[in-house]
Amino acid sequence: MEKAKKIETGISFFEKYLTIWVAACMVAGILIGRYLSFIPDFLGRFEYANVSIPIAVLIWLMIYPMMMKVDFSSLKNVGKSPQGLYLTWIVNWLIKPFSMYGIAYLFFFIVFKTLIPAELARDYLAGAILLGAAPCTAMVFVWSHLTKGNPAYTVVQVATNNIILLFAFTPIVALLLGVSGISIPWDTLILSVVLFVVIPLAGGIITRMSVIKSKGLDYFSGTFLPKFSNITIGGLLLTLVIIFSFQGQIILKNPLHIFLIAIPLTIQTFFIFTITYVAAMKLKMSHCVAAPAGMIGASNFFELAVAAAIALFGAASPVALATIVGVLVEVPIMLTLVRIANKTRHRFPATEKA
C-alpha cells in the first residue's frame, strides 16, 4: 500500500515534507554551532581553494544521482516541437537571472533598508543571484510527473538547460555580482562549475550508459536509480547541518533575516512561473509541455547555488545562508504551483501535441 501511494502521488513522504527536514537540520546545525562549536571548528580545517572538503563530498552525493537521470540521447527529438524549448531558454537565461537581481535588490536595499545592513544586503543579493542563474535540473522531474507532463519532452528541456548552464552560469553570475560591487574570483567560480556540474554530469552520463548497456533501461529506471534517492536527500540534509553549524552565530543574531530573505525569493518564484505559464497559454502549447516549462524556471538548481556560494565566499558566509533559504522555501512553493497548474489544465488545448 505504501509503495502504491508513492507511485500515485509521484513524490515520497520524505520528499513531500522536505521542508520539515530542512528546518530540523537548520535547528540541529544552529544548536551544534552554539553548544558543540568544536565540530564546525574541526570541519573548517579541511578546505582547499575556499571549498570545504566535507561539504564538497556531500554535494557530490546530491548532484551525481541527479545527473544520471538526464538522457542526452533525447536531444534528437528537439526539432519536433521547439516552442516549449525556446520559451524555457528565453525565460531561464534572458529573464530569470535579471528579474532575481532586480527583485532581490529592491527588497534587500530599499524595502528592508532599515532592517538589513548594507554589507549583509550585498551578501544576500549575491546568494539570490546564484539561485537565479541556475534553473532546476532534478526535482523538476517530480513536478513534471505531478502535472502529468510529457516525460520525454521534460528530459529534453532539462538536458538543453544543462548544456546552456555549462556556458552561461559563470558569465551571468560574474556580470551580476560585478554589478553588485562584489569582486569575483573567476578561477574559483569556473572551478565550482567544473567540480559540481561538468564532472558529475560526465560521470552521470557514463554511469547511465554503462548500466543501461549492461542491465537494460528498465533495470536502470526501476531498480538502479531508486537506490540513490535517499542518498541525494541525505547528502542535502547533512550539508545543511554542517552549513548551519557554521552559520549558527549569524542566525542567532539575525533570526528575522531568514524570513526577510524568503520574501523576495518567493515573489521571484511565482513571477517566473506566471510569465512562463501564461506565455505558454498564449502560444497555445499543450499543458504537458507548458507545466514543466514553468516548473523548470520557477525552481532552482540549489545544489549548484550552494556549492558556488561555498566555493566563492565560504561556508560561513551569509551568501551561503541566502542560498539555503532558497532550499527551505522551494518545496512548499513548488507544490502550490503544481496545484495551480493542475487546476488550470482546461485552459490549454485538449489535444496534446508534445
Protein backbone atom coordinates (compact mmCIF):
# COMPACT_ATOMS: atom_id res chain seq x y z
CA MET A 1 0.00 0.00 0.00
CA GLU A 2 2.80 2.41 0.88
CA LYS A 3 4.55 1.73 -2.43
CA ALA A 4 1.32 2.22 -4.34
CA LYS A 5 0.74 5.51 -2.58
CA LYS A 6 4.20 6.72 -3.54
CA ILE A 7 3.64 5.84 -7.19
CA GLU A 8 0.26 7.55 -7.14
CA THR A 9 1.49 10.81 -5.70
CA GLY A 10 4.79 10.84 -7.58
CA ILE A 11 6.72 12.05 -4.55
CA SER A 12 7.75 10.12 -1.46
CA PHE A 13 6.73 11.02 2.07
CA PHE A 14 10.33 12.02 2.76
CA GLU A 15 10.47 14.33 -0.27
CA LYS A 16 7.00 15.77 0.25
CA TYR A 17 7.91 17.02 3.71
CA LEU A 18 11.43 18.03 2.75
CA THR A 19 10.82 21.49 4.18
CA ILE A 20 10.27 19.98 7.63
CA TRP A 21 13.52 18.01 7.42
CA VAL A 22 15.35 21.10 6.17
CA ALA A 23 14.00 23.11 9.10
CA ALA A 24 15.03 20.35 11.51
CA CYS A 25 18.56 20.31 10.06
CA MET A 26 18.75 24.08 10.34
CA VAL A 27 17.87 23.88 14.03
CA ALA A 28 20.30 20.99 14.58
CA GLY A 29 23.10 22.88 12.84
CA ILE A 30 22.46 26.03 14.86
CA LEU A 31 22.47 24.07 18.12
CA ILE A 32 25.72 22.34 17.14
CA GLY A 33 27.32 25.66 16.31
CA ARG A 34 26.12 27.11 19.60
CA TYR A 35 26.82 24.26 22.03
CA LEU A 36 29.27 21.97 20.15
CA SER A 37 31.37 24.58 18.39
CA PHE A 38 34.39 22.27 18.27
CA ILE A 39 32.65 20.31 15.48
CA PRO A 40 32.44 23.15 12.91
CA ASP A 41 35.88 24.33 14.05
CA PHE A 42 37.30 20.89 13.23
CA LEU A 43 35.48 20.57 9.89
CA GLY A 44 36.57 24.08 8.95
CA ARG A 45 40.18 22.92 8.85
CA PHE A 46 39.55 20.77 5.78
CA GLU A 47 39.41 23.32 2.97
CA TYR A 48 41.01 23.76 -0.42
CA ALA A 49 40.63 26.92 -2.52
CA ASN A 50 37.83 28.10 -0.22
CA VAL A 51 35.95 24.83 -0.75
CA SER A 52 35.05 22.76 2.30
CA ILE A 53 36.10 19.18 1.56
CA PRO A 54 33.39 17.55 3.77
CA ILE A 55 30.68 19.70 2.17
CA ALA A 56 32.08 19.07 -1.32
CA VAL A 57 31.75 15.32 -0.77
CA LEU A 58 28.15 15.70 0.39
CA ILE A 59 27.28 17.95 -2.54
CA TRP A 60 28.61 15.31 -4.90
CA LEU A 61 26.24 12.82 -3.26
CA MET A 62 23.40 15.20 -4.09
CA ILE A 63 24.33 16.06 -7.65
CA TYR A 64 25.64 12.79 -9.09
CA PRO A 65 22.35 10.81 -8.86
CA MET A 66 20.52 13.75 -10.44
CA MET A 67 22.87 13.84 -13.39
CA MET A 68 22.22 10.15 -14.07
CA LYS A 69 18.56 11.00 -14.72
CA VAL A 70 19.39 13.19 -17.72
CA ASP A 71 19.10 11.33 -21.01
CA PHE A 72 21.04 13.36 -23.56
CA SER A 73 20.03 11.00 -26.36
CA SER A 74 16.62 12.72 -26.20
CA LEU A 75 18.19 15.76 -27.86
CA LYS A 76 17.44 14.17 -31.24
CA ASN A 77 13.74 14.98 -30.63
CA VAL A 78 14.30 18.71 -30.08
CA GLY A 79 13.17 19.75 -33.56
CA LYS A 80 9.77 18.10 -33.33
CA SER A 81 8.21 20.70 -31.02
CA PRO A 82 10.64 23.55 -30.35
CA GLN A 83 8.28 26.19 -28.92
CA GLY A 84 8.48 24.85 -25.38
CA LEU A 85 12.26 24.82 -25.56
CA TYR A 86 12.50 28.36 -26.90
CA LEU A 87 10.24 29.60 -24.12
CA THR A 88 12.27 27.77 -21.46
CA TRP A 89 15.58 29.12 -22.76
CA ILE A 90 14.33 32.72 -23.00
CA VAL A 91 12.83 32.76 -19.52
CA ASN A 92 15.66 30.89 -17.80
CA TRP A 93 18.57 32.78 -19.32
CA LEU A 94 17.30 36.16 -20.55
CA ILE A 95 14.75 36.94 -17.84
CA LYS A 96 15.14 34.89 -14.66
CA PRO A 97 18.68 35.89 -13.53
CA PHE A 98 17.96 39.57 -14.09
CA SER A 99 14.50 39.56 -12.51
CA MET A 100 16.00 37.81 -9.48
CA TYR A 101 18.63 40.53 -9.27
CA GLY A 102 16.02 43.29 -9.58
CA ILE A 103 13.55 41.84 -7.06
CA ALA A 104 16.26 40.94 -4.54
CA TYR A 105 17.91 44.35 -4.87
CA LEU A 106 14.57 46.08 -4.38
CA PHE A 107 13.87 44.27 -1.13
CA PHE A 108 17.36 44.00 0.39
CA PHE A 109 18.49 47.55 -0.37
CA ILE A 110 15.25 49.53 -0.40
CA VAL A 111 12.29 47.81 1.29
CA PHE A 112 14.42 46.25 4.05
CA LYS A 113 16.96 49.06 4.20
CA THR A 114 16.35 49.74 7.90
CA LEU A 115 16.36 46.04 8.77
CA ILE A 116 19.41 44.73 6.89
CA PRO A 117 22.85 46.42 7.00
CA ALA A 118 24.28 47.27 3.57
CA GLU A 119 27.10 44.71 3.85
CA LEU A 120 24.69 41.89 4.66
CA ALA A 121 22.36 43.09 1.90
CA ARG A 122 25.17 42.66 -0.64
CA ASP A 123 25.81 39.13 0.60
CA TYR A 124 22.14 38.17 0.48
CA LEU A 125 21.87 39.67 -3.01
CA ALA A 126 24.83 37.55 -4.11
CA GLY A 127 23.10 34.42 -2.81
CA ALA A 128 19.91 35.33 -4.65
CA ILE A 129 21.89 35.85 -7.86
CA LEU A 130 23.45 32.40 -7.57
CA LEU A 131 19.98 30.90 -7.19
CA GLY A 132 18.55 32.89 -10.09
CA ALA A 133 21.29 31.83 -12.50
CA ALA A 134 20.73 28.09 -12.03
CA PRO A 135 17.41 26.60 -13.25
CA CYS A 136 16.25 23.27 -11.83
CA THR A 137 17.76 20.04 -13.15
CA ALA A 138 16.35 17.23 -11.00
CA MET A 139 13.27 17.92 -8.87
CA VAL A 140 11.56 19.23 -11.99
CA PHE A 141 11.08 15.59 -13.00
CA VAL A 142 8.88 15.21 -9.91
CA TRP A 143 6.96 18.40 -10.63
CA SER A 144 6.52 17.31 -14.25
CA HIS A 145 5.11 13.96 -13.15
CA LEU A 146 2.69 15.61 -10.72
CA THR A 147 1.34 17.82 -13.52
CA LYS A 148 1.21 14.89 -15.97
CA GLY A 149 3.90 16.49 -18.08
CA ASN A 150 5.36 14.81 -21.14
CA PRO A 151 8.36 12.93 -19.66
CA ALA A 152 10.39 12.77 -22.87
CA TYR A 153 9.96 16.47 -23.54
CA THR A 154 10.82 17.32 -19.94
CA VAL A 155 14.08 15.41 -20.31
CA VAL A 156 14.93 17.45 -23.41
CA GLN A 157 14.12 20.68 -21.58
CA VAL A 158 16.35 19.71 -18.67
CA ALA A 159 19.13 18.38 -20.91
CA THR A 160 19.35 21.50 -23.05
CA ASN A 161 19.27 23.72 -19.98
CA ASN A 162 22.18 21.72 -18.56
CA ILE A 163 24.16 22.39 -21.72
CA ILE A 164 23.39 26.11 -21.59
CA LEU A 165 24.22 26.09 -17.89
CA LEU A 166 27.77 24.95 -18.62
CA PHE A 167 28.43 28.06 -20.70
CA ALA A 168 26.05 30.69 -19.27
CA PHE A 169 26.19 30.26 -15.49
CA THR A 170 29.68 31.68 -14.97
CA PRO A 171 29.42 34.85 -17.12
CA ILE A 172 25.89 35.68 -15.90
CA VAL A 173 26.85 35.29 -12.24
CA ALA A 174 30.07 37.22 -12.77
CA LEU A 175 28.19 40.02 -14.56
CA LEU A 176 25.51 40.39 -11.91
CA LEU A 177 27.87 40.07 -8.97
CA GLY A 178 30.12 42.61 -10.63
CA VAL A 179 27.21 44.99 -10.96
CA SER A 180 26.64 44.50 -7.24
CA GLY A 181 30.14 45.76 -6.49
CA ILE A 182 31.48 42.36 -5.43
CA SER A 183 34.90 41.22 -6.62
CA ILE A 184 34.67 37.90 -8.44
CA PRO A 185 37.49 35.32 -8.49
CA TRP A 186 36.86 33.88 -11.95
CA ASP A 187 39.09 30.86 -11.36
CA THR A 188 37.12 29.85 -8.28
CA LEU A 189 33.77 30.32 -10.00
CA ILE A 190 34.82 28.32 -13.05
CA LEU A 191 36.29 25.63 -10.78
CA SER A 192 32.98 25.32 -8.92
CA VAL A 193 31.10 24.81 -12.21
CA VAL A 194 33.61 22.18 -13.32
CA LEU A 195 33.52 20.38 -9.97
CA PHE A 196 29.78 20.48 -9.42
CA VAL A 197 28.39 20.38 -12.98
CA VAL A 198 30.84 19.20 -15.63
CA ILE A 199 32.45 16.30 -13.76
CA PRO A 200 29.29 14.85 -12.15
CA LEU A 201 27.41 15.35 -15.43
CA ALA A 202 30.06 13.42 -17.34
CA GLY A 203 30.12 10.77 -14.63
CA GLY A 204 26.34 10.52 -14.65
CA ILE A 205 26.24 10.05 -18.42
CA ILE A 206 28.93 7.36 -18.28
CA THR A 207 27.18 5.54 -15.44
CA ARG A 208 23.81 5.75 -17.18
CA MET A 209 25.17 4.39 -20.44
CA SER A 210 27.12 1.61 -18.72
CA VAL A 211 24.23 0.37 -16.57
CA ILE A 212 21.71 0.52 -19.42
CA LYS A 213 24.10 -1.33 -21.72
CA SER A 214 24.70 -3.98 -19.08
CA LYS A 215 21.26 -4.40 -17.45
CA GLY A 216 18.80 -2.51 -19.67
CA LEU A 217 16.72 0.65 -19.32
CA ASP A 218 14.01 -0.94 -17.17
CA TYR A 219 16.57 -2.04 -14.58
CA PHE A 220 18.25 1.38 -14.65
CA SER A 221 14.99 3.31 -14.16
CA GLY A 222 13.15 0.91 -11.87
CA THR A 223 15.93 -0.55 -9.74
CA PHE A 224 19.24 1.30 -10.09
CA LEU A 225 18.14 4.95 -9.83
CA PRO A 226 15.79 4.49 -6.84
CA LYS A 227 18.75 3.25 -4.79
CA PHE A 228 20.18 6.78 -4.86
CA SER A 229 17.05 8.75 -3.91
CA ASN A 230 17.69 8.67 -0.17
CA ILE A 231 21.40 9.31 -0.73
CA THR A 232 20.58 12.55 -2.51
CA ILE A 233 18.25 13.75 0.23
CA GLY A 234 20.64 12.55 2.93
CA GLY A 235 23.52 14.44 1.35
CA LEU A 236 21.41 17.58 1.21
CA LEU A 237 20.33 17.37 4.84
CA LEU A 238 23.82 16.62 6.15
CA THR A 239 25.12 19.55 4.12
CA LEU A 240 22.55 21.79 5.77
CA VAL A 241 23.55 20.62 9.24
CA ILE A 242 27.20 21.48 8.55
CA ILE A 243 26.44 24.81 6.90
CA PHE A 244 24.10 25.91 9.67
CA SER A 245 26.63 24.89 12.27
CA PHE A 246 28.94 27.40 10.57
CA GLN A 247 26.08 29.91 10.33
CA GLY A 248 24.76 29.47 13.87
CA GLN A 249 26.03 32.72 15.34
CA ILE A 250 24.88 34.79 12.37
CA ILE A 251 21.39 33.32 12.52
CA LEU A 252 21.05 33.71 16.28
CA LYS A 253 21.99 37.35 15.91
CA ASN A 254 19.64 37.88 12.94
CA PRO A 255 16.74 35.36 13.11
CA LEU A 256 14.49 37.83 11.30
CA HIS A 257 16.76 37.68 8.27
CA ILE A 258 15.66 34.14 7.37
CA PHE A 259 12.13 35.45 6.90
CA LEU A 260 13.29 38.57 5.08
CA ILE A 261 15.40 36.58 2.61
CA ALA A 262 12.48 34.26 1.88
CA ILE A 263 10.19 37.10 0.76
CA PRO A 264 11.96 38.16 -2.49
CA LEU A 265 12.80 34.53 -3.30
CA THR A 266 9.12 33.60 -3.01
CA ILE A 267 8.00 36.53 -5.15
CA GLN A 268 10.60 35.65 -7.79
CA THR A 269 9.40 32.04 -7.93
CA PHE A 270 5.76 32.98 -8.52
CA PHE A 271 6.76 35.69 -11.00
CA ILE A 272 8.84 33.38 -13.20
CA PHE A 273 6.22 30.63 -13.17
CA THR A 274 3.47 33.09 -14.06
CA ILE A 275 5.19 34.67 -17.06
CA THR A 276 6.28 31.26 -18.40
CA TYR A 277 2.91 29.60 -17.87
CA VAL A 278 0.87 32.50 -19.27
CA ALA A 279 3.19 32.81 -22.28
CA ALA A 280 2.74 29.08 -22.97
CA MET A 281 -1.02 29.53 -22.69
CA LYS A 282 -0.97 32.43 -25.18
CA LEU A 283 1.18 30.38 -27.56
CA LYS A 284 -1.42 27.57 -27.29
CA MET A 285 1.10 24.98 -26.15
CA SER A 286 -0.14 21.71 -24.75
CA HIS A 287 -0.34 21.53 -20.98
CA CYS A 288 2.08 18.59 -20.82
CA VAL A 289 4.80 20.92 -22.18
CA ALA A 290 3.71 24.21 -20.59
CA ALA A 291 3.57 22.98 -16.98
CA PRO A 292 7.11 21.51 -16.89
CA ALA A 293 8.42 24.63 -18.66
CA GLY A 294 7.03 26.77 -15.87
CA MET A 295 8.39 24.43 -13.21
CA ILE A 296 11.94 24.44 -14.60
CA GLY A 297 12.15 28.21 -14.50
CA ALA A 298 10.42 28.60 -11.15
CA SER A 299 12.59 26.11 -9.27
CA ASN A 300 16.35 26.33 -8.84
CA PHE A 301 19.41 24.12 -9.06
CA PHE A 302 20.02 24.93 -5.41
CA GLU A 303 22.79 22.33 -5.05
CA LEU A 304 24.90 24.26 -7.56
CA ALA A 305 23.96 27.57 -5.96
CA VAL A 306 25.02 26.29 -2.53
CA ALA A 307 28.23 24.86 -3.96
CA ALA A 308 29.12 28.08 -5.75
CA ALA A 309 28.32 30.16 -2.67
CA ILE A 310 30.60 28.00 -0.53
CA ALA A 311 33.36 27.96 -3.14
CA LEU A 312 33.25 31.72 -3.71
CA PHE A 313 32.52 33.07 -0.26
CA GLY A 314 32.97 30.22 2.22
CA ALA A 315 30.53 28.04 4.15
CA ALA A 316 30.28 30.60 6.97
CA SER A 317 29.31 33.43 4.61
CA PRO A 318 25.79 34.95 4.65
CA VAL A 319 25.83 34.29 0.89
CA ALA A 320 25.58 30.56 1.61
CA LEU A 321 22.80 31.28 4.09
CA ALA A 322 20.76 33.04 1.39
CA THR A 323 21.06 30.05 -0.95
CA ILE A 324 19.96 27.69 1.83
CA VAL A 325 16.84 29.77 2.44
CA GLY A 326 16.08 29.01 -1.21
CA VAL A 327 16.06 25.31 -0.34
CA LEU A 328 13.78 25.96 2.63
CA VAL A 329 11.05 27.75 0.65
CA GLU A 330 11.22 25.85 -2.64
CA VAL A 331 9.31 22.64 -1.90
CA PRO A 332 6.12 24.16 -0.43
CA ILE A 333 6.05 26.82 -3.15
CA MET A 334 6.52 24.29 -5.94
CA LEU A 335 3.76 22.06 -4.55
CA THR A 336 1.50 25.11 -4.62
CA LEU A 337 2.42 25.77 -8.25
CA VAL A 338 1.69 22.13 -9.08
CA ARG A 339 -1.83 22.57 -7.73
CA ILE A 340 -2.27 25.77 -9.72
CA ALA A 341 -1.09 24.06 -12.92
CA ASN A 342 -3.42 21.11 -12.43
CA LYS A 343 -6.45 23.31 -11.75
CA THR A 344 -5.85 25.35 -14.92
CA ARG A 345 -5.30 22.40 -17.27
CA HIS A 346 -8.61 23.11 -19.01
CA ARG A 347 -7.26 26.43 -20.32
CA PHE A 348 -4.84 24.65 -22.63
CA PRO A 349 -5.55 22.83 -25.93
CA ALA A 350 -7.24 19.48 -25.37
CA THR A 351 -5.01 17.76 -27.93
CA GLU A 352 -1.53 17.12 -26.55
CA LYS A 353 0.95 17.59 -29.37
CA ALA A 354 4.18 17.18 -27.40
